């Protein structure tokens, strides 16, 4: 009979240790890739959410003051400030701004009372959710020379263009990330300072020429 030797206890322990190291490395790589995937997924969702809100804002603000009949007094309504805007337009040409989507207000509100702010669009029946998880909404109103108006509430008729800045955040925290950034508008004014939390954020800005104003 041939004598077949098995593994010694030392060899078995060494094999277990090596296997453990390999498995730990594989799991660490998988966990890291999973975290990266989730973070990127959240960032993509945030960017899509932000761009969708900005796109509608741009299109409707660009139409502010549309008044084919010349009798509706459409434009930027009194009450415009750095965090809210009310625009009017006569889309159906009836000389009034009381039709559907002719009197629109954009502002931040807490949709669902979940403790964070969202971008709302109000056409007279209350805010409708446009974009979630919006930390800051900022408007700067410019005159015909591109100079910021100090009191747009008192002088809405002098507005010719509007700078918009929106700060959005991801819907979920990233435990490996700390946000202490400050976010500024075109004028260099800080509109939001992250509180050192774990949310990733994105700032999107645009300047809109209100082509129907000033006629």
C-alpha atoms as a PDB file:
ATOM      1  CA  UNK A   1       0.000   0.000   0.000  1.00  0.00           C
ATOM      2  CA  UNK A   2       1.155   3.537  -0.787  1.00  0.00           C
ATOM      3  CA  UNK A   3       1.281   6.029   2.042  1.00  0.00           C
ATOM      4  CA  UNK A   4      -0.587   9.305   1.141  1.00  0.00           C
ATOM      5  CA  UNK A   5       0.164  12.124   3.524  1.00  0.00           C
ATOM      6  CA  UNK A   6      -2.470  14.844   4.201  1.00  0.00           C
ATOM      7  CA  UNK A   7      -2.013  18.539   5.109  1.00  0.00           C
ATOM      8  CA  UNK A   8      -0.373  19.460   8.332  1.00  0.00           C
ATOM      9  CA  UNK A   9      -2.156  21.839  10.716  1.00  0.00           C
ATOM     10  CA  UNK A  10       0.358  24.571   9.882  1.00  0.00           C
ATOM     11  CA  UNK A  11      -0.248  24.213   6.151  1.00  0.00           C
ATOM     12  CA  UNK A  12      -3.994  24.298   6.696  1.00  0.00           C
ATOM     13  CA  UNK A  13      -3.736  27.469   8.787  1.00  0.00           C
ATOM     14  CA  UNK A  14      -1.538  29.144   6.162  1.00  0.00           C
ATOM     15  CA  UNK A  15      -4.030  28.231   3.425  1.00  0.00           C
ATOM     16  CA  UNK A  16      -6.916  29.648   5.480  1.00  0.00           C
ATOM     17  CA  UNK A  17      -5.022  32.891   6.114  1.00  0.00           C
ATOM     18  CA  UNK A  18      -4.145  33.294   2.428  1.00  0.00           C
ATOM     19  CA  UNK A  19      -7.731  32.537   1.396  1.00  0.00           C
ATOM     20  CA  UNK A  20      -8.984  35.093   3.919  1.00  0.00           C
ATOM     21  CA  UNK A  21      -6.659  37.774   2.561  1.00  0.00           C
ATOM     22  CA  UNK A  22      -7.762  37.060  -1.010  1.00  0.00           C
ATOM     23  CA  UNK A  23     -11.446  37.108  -0.097  1.00  0.00           C
ATOM     24  CA  UNK A  24     -11.018  40.335   1.872  1.00  0.00           C
ATOM     25  CA  UNK A  25      -9.314  41.973  -1.093  1.00  0.00           C
ATOM     26  CA  UNK A  26     -12.067  40.840  -3.452  1.00  0.00           C
ATOM     27  CA  UNK A  27     -14.785  42.113  -1.099  1.00  0.00           C
ATOM     28  CA  UNK A  28     -13.002  45.431  -0.569  1.00  0.00           C
ATOM     29  CA  UNK A  29     -12.738  45.953  -4.325  1.00  0.00           C
ATOM     30  CA  UNK A  30     -16.392  45.036  -4.799  1.00  0.00           C
ATOM     31  CA  UNK A  31     -17.530  47.306  -1.944  1.00  0.00           C
ATOM     32  CA  UNK A  32     -15.478  50.206  -3.285  1.00  0.00           C
ATOM     33  CA  UNK A  33     -16.905  49.761  -6.782  1.00  0.00           C
ATOM     34  CA  UNK A  34     -20.419  49.515  -5.362  1.00  0.00           C
ATOM     35  CA  UNK A  35     -19.993  52.756  -3.395  1.00  0.00           C
ATOM     36  CA  UNK A  36     -18.601  54.505  -6.462  1.00  0.00           C
ATOM     37  CA  UNK A  37     -21.488  53.275  -8.605  1.00  0.00           C
ATOM     38  CA  UNK A  38     -24.114  54.456  -6.093  1.00  0.00           C
ATOM     39  CA  UNK A  39     -22.423  57.871  -5.757  1.00  0.00           C
ATOM     40  CA  UNK A  40     -22.264  58.324  -9.535  1.00  0.00           C
ATOM     41  CA  UNK A  41     -25.875  57.220  -9.888  1.00  0.00           C
ATOM     42  CA  UNK A  42     -26.925  59.837  -7.332  1.00  0.00           C
ATOM     43  CA  UNK A  43     -24.894  62.553  -9.070  1.00  0.00           C
ATOM     44  CA  UNK A  44     -26.415  61.725 -12.475  1.00  0.00           C
ATOM     45  CA  UNK A  45     -29.941  61.812 -11.013  1.00  0.00           C
ATOM     46  CA  UNK A  46     -29.174  65.160  -9.353  1.00  0.00           C
ATOM     47  CA  UNK A  47     -27.851  66.662 -12.587  1.00  0.00           C
ATOM     48  CA  UNK A  48     -30.855  65.481 -14.597  1.00  0.00           C
ATOM     49  CA  UNK A  49     -33.210  66.859 -11.959  1.00  0.00           C
ATOM     50  CA  UNK A  50     -31.366  70.186 -11.915  1.00  0.00           C
ATOM     51  CA  UNK A  51     -31.184  70.590 -15.688  1.00  0.00           C
ATOM     52  CA  UNK A  52     -34.868  69.767 -16.123  1.00  0.00           C
ATOM     53  CA  UNK A  53     -35.806  72.512 -13.668  1.00  0.00           C
ATOM     54  CA  UNK A  54     -33.418  75.024 -15.212  1.00  0.00           C
ATOM     55  CA  UNK A  55     -34.630  74.276 -18.737  1.00  0.00           C
ATOM     56  CA  UNK A  56     -38.240  75.137 -17.920  1.00  0.00           C
ATOM     57  CA  UNK A  57     -37.178  78.210 -15.931  1.00  0.00           C
ATOM     58  CA  UNK A  58     -35.163  79.500 -18.881  1.00  0.00           C
ATOM     59  CA  UNK A  59     -37.913  78.964 -21.428  1.00  0.00           C
ATOM     60  CA  UNK A  60     -40.632  80.638 -19.381  1.00  0.00           C
ATOM     61  CA  UNK A  61     -38.512  83.544 -18.159  1.00  0.00           C
ATOM     62  CA  UNK A  62     -37.420  84.188 -21.745  1.00  0.00           C
ATOM     63  CA  UNK A  63     -41.114  84.543 -22.642  1.00  0.00           C
ATOM     64  CA  UNK A  64     -41.843  87.003 -19.816  1.00  0.00           C
ATOM     65  CA  UNK A  65     -43.598  90.078 -21.174  1.00  0.00           C
ATOM     66  CA  UNK A  66     -44.981  88.384 -24.288  1.00  0.00           C
ATOM     67  CA  UNK A  67     -47.917  90.654 -25.149  1.00  0.00           C
ATOM     68  CA  UNK A  68     -49.044  90.486 -28.801  1.00  0.00           C
ATOM     69  CA  UNK A  69     -52.119  92.616 -28.134  1.00  0.00           C
ATOM     70  CA  UNK A  70     -50.139  95.228 -26.225  1.00  0.00           C
ATOM     71  CA  UNK A  71     -52.781  95.510 -23.516  1.00  0.00           C
ATOM     72  CA  UNK A  72     -51.966  92.826 -20.904  1.00  0.00           C
ATOM     73  CA  UNK A  73     -49.099  94.656 -19.143  1.00  0.00           C
ATOM     74  CA  UNK A  74     -47.196  91.360 -19.059  1.00  0.00           C
ATOM     75  CA  UNK A  75     -43.655  91.161 -17.720  1.00  0.00           C
ATOM     76  CA  UNK A  76     -41.900  90.634 -14.409  1.00  0.00           C
ATOM     77  CA  UNK A  77     -44.524  91.269 -11.760  1.00  0.00           C
ATOM     78  CA  UNK A  78     -43.820  93.498  -8.731  1.00  0.00           C
ATOM     79  CA  UNK A  79     -42.492  91.420  -5.879  1.00  0.00           C
ATOM     80  CA  UNK A  80     -39.472  89.992  -7.672  1.00  0.00           C
ATOM     81  CA  UNK A  81     -36.572  89.362  -5.306  1.00  0.00           C
ATOM     82  CA  UNK A  82     -33.454  87.208  -5.085  1.00  0.00           C
ATOM     83  CA  UNK A  83     -35.351  84.044  -4.156  1.00  0.00           C
ATOM     84  CA  UNK A  84     -38.683  84.309  -5.970  1.00  0.00           C
ATOM     85  CA  UNK A  85     -39.888  85.422  -9.371  1.00  0.00           C
ATOM     86  CA  UNK A  86     -43.358  86.030 -10.774  1.00  0.00           C
ATOM     87  CA  UNK A  87     -43.613  86.283 -14.551  1.00  0.00           C
ATOM     88  CA  UNK A  88     -46.641  87.045 -16.692  1.00  0.00           C
ATOM     89  CA  UNK A  89     -47.223  86.547 -20.408  1.00  0.00           C
ATOM     90  CA  UNK A  90     -50.193  86.647 -22.773  1.00  0.00           C
ATOM     91  CA  UNK A  91     -49.803  83.348 -24.597  1.00  0.00           C
ATOM     92  CA  UNK A  92     -53.290  83.225 -26.120  1.00  0.00           C
ATOM     93  CA  UNK A  93     -53.261  86.864 -27.270  1.00  0.00           C
ATOM     94  CA  UNK A  94     -56.521  87.807 -25.554  1.00  0.00           C
ATOM     95  CA  UNK A  95     -55.027  90.899 -23.910  1.00  0.00           C
ATOM     96  CA  UNK A  96     -55.009  89.307 -20.434  1.00  0.00           C
ATOM     97  CA  UNK A  97     -52.612  87.218 -18.361  1.00  0.00           C
ATOM     98  CA  UNK A  98     -55.267  85.134 -16.658  1.00  0.00           C
ATOM     99  CA  UNK A  99     -55.077  82.129 -18.948  1.00  0.00           C
ATOM    100  CA  UNK A 100     -53.384  78.799 -18.361  1.00  0.00           C
ATOM    101  CA  UNK A 101     -49.621  79.122 -17.742  1.00  0.00           C
ATOM    102  CA  UNK A 102     -49.725  82.906 -18.187  1.00  0.00           C
ATOM    103  CA  UNK A 103     -49.057  83.907 -14.560  1.00  0.00           C
ATOM    104  CA  UNK A 104     -46.253  81.829 -13.063  1.00  0.00           C
ATOM    105  CA  UNK A 105     -44.324  82.025  -9.818  1.00  0.00           C
ATOM    106  CA  UNK A 106     -41.137  80.104  -9.098  1.00  0.00           C
ATOM    107  CA  UNK A 107     -39.900  79.675  -5.532  1.00  0.00           C
ATOM    108  CA  UNK A 108     -38.613  77.106  -3.068  1.00  0.00           C
ATOM    109  CA  UNK A 109     -40.945  75.154  -0.822  1.00  0.00           C
ATOM    110  CA  UNK A 110     -40.965  71.895   1.122  1.00  0.00           C
ATOM    111  CA  UNK A 111     -42.789  69.331  -0.978  1.00  0.00           C
ATOM    112  CA  UNK A 112     -44.080  66.475   1.154  1.00  0.00           C
ATOM    113  CA  UNK A 113     -42.921  68.169   4.387  1.00  0.00           C
ATOM    114  CA  UNK A 114     -39.794  66.011   4.409  1.00  0.00           C
ATOM    115  CA  UNK A 115     -37.514  68.723   5.769  1.00  0.00           C
ATOM    116  CA  UNK A 116     -35.735  69.747   2.559  1.00  0.00           C
ATOM    117  CA  UNK A 117     -36.606  72.375  -0.015  1.00  0.00           C
ATOM    118  CA  UNK A 118     -37.701  71.798  -3.583  1.00  0.00           C
ATOM    119  CA  UNK A 119     -38.295  73.986  -6.625  1.00  0.00           C
ATOM    120  CA  UNK A 120     -41.965  74.782  -7.090  1.00  0.00           C
ATOM    121  CA  UNK A 121     -43.938  76.210  -9.990  1.00  0.00           C
ATOM    122  CA  UNK A 122     -47.204  77.927  -9.103  1.00  0.00           C
ATOM    123  CA  UNK A 123     -49.733  78.957 -11.756  1.00  0.00           C
ATOM    124  CA  UNK A 124     -52.435  79.932  -9.284  1.00  0.00           C
ATOM    125  CA  UNK A 125     -53.389  76.637  -7.711  1.00  0.00           C
ATOM    126  CA  UNK A 126     -50.437  76.211  -5.371  1.00  0.00           C
ATOM    127  CA  UNK A 127     -46.909  74.964  -5.883  1.00  0.00           C
ATOM    128  CA  UNK A 128     -46.326  72.005  -8.157  1.00  0.00           C
ATOM    129  CA  UNK A 129     -43.069  70.088  -7.741  1.00  0.00           C
ATOM    130  CA  UNK A 130     -40.583  70.854 -10.500  1.00  0.00           C
ATOM    131  CA  UNK A 131     -37.247  69.708  -9.047  1.00  0.00           C
ATOM    132  CA  UNK A 132     -36.421  67.962  -5.785  1.00  0.00           C
ATOM    133  CA  UNK A 133     -33.638  68.640  -3.267  1.00  0.00           C
ATOM    134  CA  UNK A 134     -32.882  72.245  -4.222  1.00  0.00           C
ATOM    135  CA  UNK A 135     -30.844  74.017  -1.537  1.00  0.00           C
ATOM    136  CA  UNK A 136     -30.717  77.473  -3.130  1.00  0.00           C
ATOM    137  CA  UNK A 137     -32.534  79.454  -5.807  1.00  0.00           C
ATOM    138  CA  UNK A 138     -31.118  82.861  -6.682  1.00  0.00           C
ATOM    139  CA  UNK A 139     -32.128  85.568  -9.166  1.00  0.00           C
ATOM    140  CA  UNK A 140     -30.176  88.690 -10.138  1.00  0.00           C
ATOM    141  CA  UNK A 141     -32.071  91.226 -12.230  1.00  0.00           C
ATOM    142  CA  UNK A 142     -30.134  93.314 -14.759  1.00  0.00           C
ATOM    143  CA  UNK A 143     -31.018  96.513 -16.599  1.00  0.00           C
ATOM    144  CA  UNK A 144     -30.363  97.274 -20.277  1.00  0.00           C
ATOM    145  CA  UNK A 145     -26.684  97.966 -19.517  1.00  0.00           C
ATOM    146  CA  UNK A 146     -26.205  94.655 -17.717  1.00  0.00           C
ATOM    147  CA  UNK A 147     -26.060  96.381 -14.331  1.00  0.00           C
ATOM    148  CA  UNK A 148     -27.712  94.578 -11.403  1.00  0.00           C
ATOM    149  CA  UNK A 149     -30.811  96.356 -10.127  1.00  0.00           C
ATOM    150  CA  UNK A 150     -30.633  97.030  -6.412  1.00  0.00           C
ATOM    151  CA  UNK A 151     -34.410  97.258  -6.045  1.00  0.00           C
ATOM    152  CA  UNK A 152     -36.107  95.139  -8.717  1.00  0.00           C
ATOM    153  CA  UNK A 153     -39.266  95.078  -6.590  1.00  0.00           C
ATOM    154  CA  UNK A 154     -39.666  98.823  -7.092  1.00  0.00           C
ATOM    155  CA  UNK A 155     -38.457  98.900 -10.705  1.00  0.00           C
ATOM    156  CA  UNK A 156     -39.644  95.717 -12.488  1.00  0.00           C
ATOM    157  CA  UNK A 157     -40.041  97.740 -15.696  1.00  0.00           C
ATOM    158  CA  UNK A 158     -36.269  98.233 -15.882  1.00  0.00           C
ATOM    159  CA  UNK A 159     -35.479  94.502 -15.991  1.00  0.00           C
ATOM    160  CA  UNK A 160     -34.010  93.325 -19.289  1.00  0.00           C
ATOM    161  CA  UNK A 161     -32.201  90.118 -18.338  1.00  0.00           C
ATOM    162  CA  UNK A 162     -32.032  87.755 -15.394  1.00  0.00           C
ATOM    163  CA  UNK A 163     -29.224  85.650 -13.984  1.00  0.00           C
ATOM    164  CA  UNK A 164     -30.304  82.389 -12.371  1.00  0.00           C
ATOM    165  CA  UNK A 165     -28.269  80.232  -9.977  1.00  0.00           C
ATOM    166  CA  UNK A 166     -29.555  76.950  -8.543  1.00  0.00           C
ATOM    167  CA  UNK A 167     -27.838  74.656  -6.058  1.00  0.00           C
ATOM    168  CA  UNK A 168     -29.112  71.067  -6.000  1.00  0.00           C
ATOM    169  CA  UNK A 169     -28.013  68.138  -3.868  1.00  0.00           C
ATOM    170  CA  UNK A 170     -28.160  64.378  -4.140  1.00  0.00           C
ATOM    171  CA  UNK A 171     -31.031  62.477  -2.595  1.00  0.00           C
ATOM    172  CA  UNK A 172     -28.755  60.268  -0.480  1.00  0.00           C
ATOM    173  CA  UNK A 173     -25.711  60.912   1.638  1.00  0.00           C
ATOM    174  CA  UNK A 174     -22.234  59.734   0.664  1.00  0.00           C
ATOM    175  CA  UNK A 175     -20.593  58.659   3.960  1.00  0.00           C
ATOM    176  CA  UNK A 176     -17.103  58.978   2.494  1.00  0.00           C
ATOM    177  CA  UNK A 177     -17.607  62.573   1.384  1.00  0.00           C
ATOM    178  CA  UNK A 178     -17.782  65.831   3.357  1.00  0.00           C
ATOM    179  CA  UNK A 179     -19.141  69.005   1.764  1.00  0.00           C
ATOM    180  CA  UNK A 180     -17.900  72.349   3.102  1.00  0.00           C
ATOM    181  CA  UNK A 181     -18.111  74.245  -0.188  1.00  0.00           C
ATOM    182  CA  UNK A 182     -19.564  77.688  -0.767  1.00  0.00           C
ATOM    183  CA  UNK A 183     -21.600  78.362  -3.888  1.00  0.00           C
ATOM    184  CA  UNK A 184     -21.640  81.769  -5.579  1.00  0.00           C
ATOM    185  CA  UNK A 185     -23.695  83.362  -8.338  1.00  0.00           C
ATOM    186  CA  UNK A 186     -22.383  85.259 -11.374  1.00  0.00           C
ATOM    187  CA  UNK A 187     -21.852  88.347  -9.214  1.00  0.00           C
ATOM    188  CA  UNK A 188     -19.600  86.491  -6.762  1.00  0.00           C
ATOM    189  CA  UNK A 189     -22.248  86.591  -4.035  1.00  0.00           C
ATOM    190  CA  UNK A 190     -22.460  83.496  -1.848  1.00  0.00           C
ATOM    191  CA  UNK A 191     -25.908  81.977  -2.163  1.00  0.00           C
ATOM    192  CA  UNK A 192     -25.304  78.783  -0.189  1.00  0.00           C
ATOM    193  CA  UNK A 193     -22.692  77.336   2.156  1.00  0.00           C
ATOM    194  CA  UNK A 194     -22.720  73.595   2.718  1.00  0.00           C
ATOM    195  CA  UNK A 195     -22.938  72.730   6.446  1.00  0.00           C
ATOM    196  CA  UNK A 196     -20.224  70.068   6.389  1.00  0.00           C
ATOM    197  CA  UNK A 197     -22.648  67.247   5.647  1.00  0.00           C
ATOM    198  CA  UNK A 198     -22.307  64.221   3.350  1.00  0.00           C
ATOM    199  CA  UNK A 199     -24.392  65.427   0.406  1.00  0.00           C
ATOM    200  CA  UNK A 200     -22.846  66.078  -2.986  1.00  0.00           C
ATOM    201  CA  UNK A 201     -24.071  69.276  -4.636  1.00  0.00           C
ATOM    202  CA  UNK A 202     -24.110  70.905  -8.050  1.00  0.00           C
ATOM    203  CA  UNK A 203     -24.339  74.593  -8.982  1.00  0.00           C
ATOM    204  CA  UNK A 204     -25.966  75.470 -12.304  1.00  0.00           C
ATOM    205  CA  UNK A 205     -26.167  79.046 -13.600  1.00  0.00           C
ATOM    206  CA  UNK A 206     -27.643  80.757 -16.634  1.00  0.00           C
ATOM    207  CA  UNK A 207     -28.301  84.291 -17.891  1.00  0.00           C
ATOM    208  CA  UNK A 208     -31.577  84.832 -19.704  1.00  0.00           C
ATOM    209  CA  UNK A 209     -32.282  87.684 -22.097  1.00  0.00           C
ATOM    210  CA  UNK A 210     -35.935  88.638 -21.685  1.00  0.00           C
ATOM    211  CA  UNK A 211     -36.569  89.392 -25.335  1.00  0.00           C
ATOM    212  CA  UNK A 212     -40.109  90.685 -24.797  1.00  0.00           C
ATOM    213  CA  UNK A 213     -39.237  93.272 -22.168  1.00  0.00           C
ATOM    214  CA  UNK A 214     -38.491  96.912 -22.916  1.00  0.00           C
ATOM    215  CA  UNK A 215     -40.854  97.356 -25.881  1.00  0.00           C
END
